[in-house]
Protein backbone atom coordinates (compact mmCIF):
# COMPACT_ATOMS: atom_id res chain seq x y z
CA UNK A 1 -5.96 -43.61 61.23
CA UNK A 2 -7.23 -45.74 58.40
CA UNK A 3 -10.96 -46.19 57.73
CA UNK A 4 -12.43 -48.68 55.25
CA UNK A 5 -15.37 -47.01 53.54
CA UNK A 6 -18.72 -48.63 52.77
CA UNK A 7 -21.13 -47.86 49.93
CA UNK A 8 -18.96 -45.34 48.05
CA UNK A 9 -16.41 -45.30 45.23
CA UNK A 10 -13.40 -44.65 47.45
CA UNK A 11 -12.09 -47.71 49.27
CA UNK A 12 -10.22 -46.14 52.18
CA UNK A 13 -9.70 -42.87 54.02
CA UNK A 14 -6.45 -42.09 55.81
CA UNK A 15 -6.33 -39.18 58.25
CA UNK A 16 -4.88 -37.91 61.50
CA UNK A 17 -6.37 -35.99 64.39
CA UNK A 18 -3.99 -33.65 66.19
CA UNK A 19 -5.19 -31.39 69.02
CA UNK A 20 -8.81 -32.08 67.91
CA UNK A 21 -8.01 -30.85 64.38
CA UNK A 22 -8.35 -32.95 61.22
CA UNK A 23 -5.04 -33.41 59.43
CA UNK A 24 -3.61 -35.18 56.36
CA UNK A 25 -6.87 -36.50 54.89
CA UNK A 26 -6.29 -38.84 51.97
CA UNK A 27 -8.98 -40.75 50.08
CA UNK A 28 -7.91 -43.92 48.27
CA UNK A 29 -9.91 -44.39 45.08
CA UNK A 30 -12.99 -42.43 44.10
CA UNK A 31 -13.29 -39.10 42.26
CA UNK A 32 -9.79 -37.70 42.69
CA UNK A 33 -10.47 -34.00 42.10
CA UNK A 34 -13.53 -33.82 44.33
CA UNK A 35 -11.91 -35.81 47.10
CA UNK A 36 -8.75 -33.73 47.02
CA UNK A 37 -10.97 -30.66 47.35
CA UNK A 38 -12.76 -32.11 50.37
CA UNK A 39 -9.44 -33.08 51.97
CA UNK A 40 -8.07 -29.55 51.54
CA UNK A 41 -11.24 -27.90 52.85
CA UNK A 42 -11.31 -30.09 55.96
CA UNK A 43 -7.56 -29.70 56.70
CA UNK A 44 -7.04 -28.06 60.09
CA UNK A 45 -10.76 -27.93 60.87
CA UNK A 46 -12.01 -28.78 64.34
CA UNK A 47 -13.26 -32.38 64.36
CA UNK A 48 -16.75 -31.47 65.63
CA UNK A 49 -17.10 -28.71 63.04
CA UNK A 50 -16.02 -31.06 60.26
CA UNK A 51 -18.51 -33.72 61.35
CA UNK A 52 -21.37 -31.22 61.54
CA UNK A 53 -20.62 -29.91 58.04
CA UNK A 54 -20.23 -33.22 56.19
CA UNK A 55 -22.32 -35.78 58.08
CA UNK A 56 -25.41 -36.98 56.22
CA UNK A 57 -24.36 -35.84 52.74
CA UNK A 58 -25.64 -38.28 50.12
CA UNK A 59 -24.19 -39.08 46.70
CA UNK A 60 -26.94 -39.45 44.12
CA UNK A 61 -29.16 -42.40 45.01
CA UNK A 62 -26.74 -43.71 47.65
CA UNK A 63 -27.51 -43.32 51.35
CA UNK A 64 -23.97 -42.09 52.01
CA UNK A 65 -21.08 -40.27 50.31
CA UNK A 66 -17.34 -39.91 50.70
CA UNK A 67 -17.78 -36.84 52.93
CA UNK A 68 -20.34 -38.73 55.03
CA UNK A 69 -17.93 -41.66 55.31
CA UNK A 70 -15.25 -39.24 56.52
CA UNK A 71 -17.68 -37.99 59.19
CA UNK A 72 -18.27 -41.60 60.28
CA UNK A 73 -14.51 -42.19 60.42
CA UNK A 74 -13.99 -39.05 62.52
CA UNK A 75 -16.77 -40.06 64.88
CA UNK A 76 -15.33 -43.53 65.27
CA UNK A 77 -11.83 -42.15 65.89
CA UNK A 78 -13.07 -39.78 68.59
CA UNK A 79 -15.64 -42.12 70.16
CA UNK A 80 -18.58 -39.87 69.31
């Protein structure tokens, strides 16, 4: 799936969901090292667990963050 982010430095998040597990997360743009770290930490995690861990995280003064945008993308992909 491809998700266009809003309000963050990254422009897009690509990911797959297989057997309710998050797979192949890739952020396009943004802080490369941090986003690679997030992608690796989330890899293989249950979708609901991933959402509960990263939803609501803010980046500085922004109301959202790249992890929060990933949570929104996962929720949209699963209809939650």
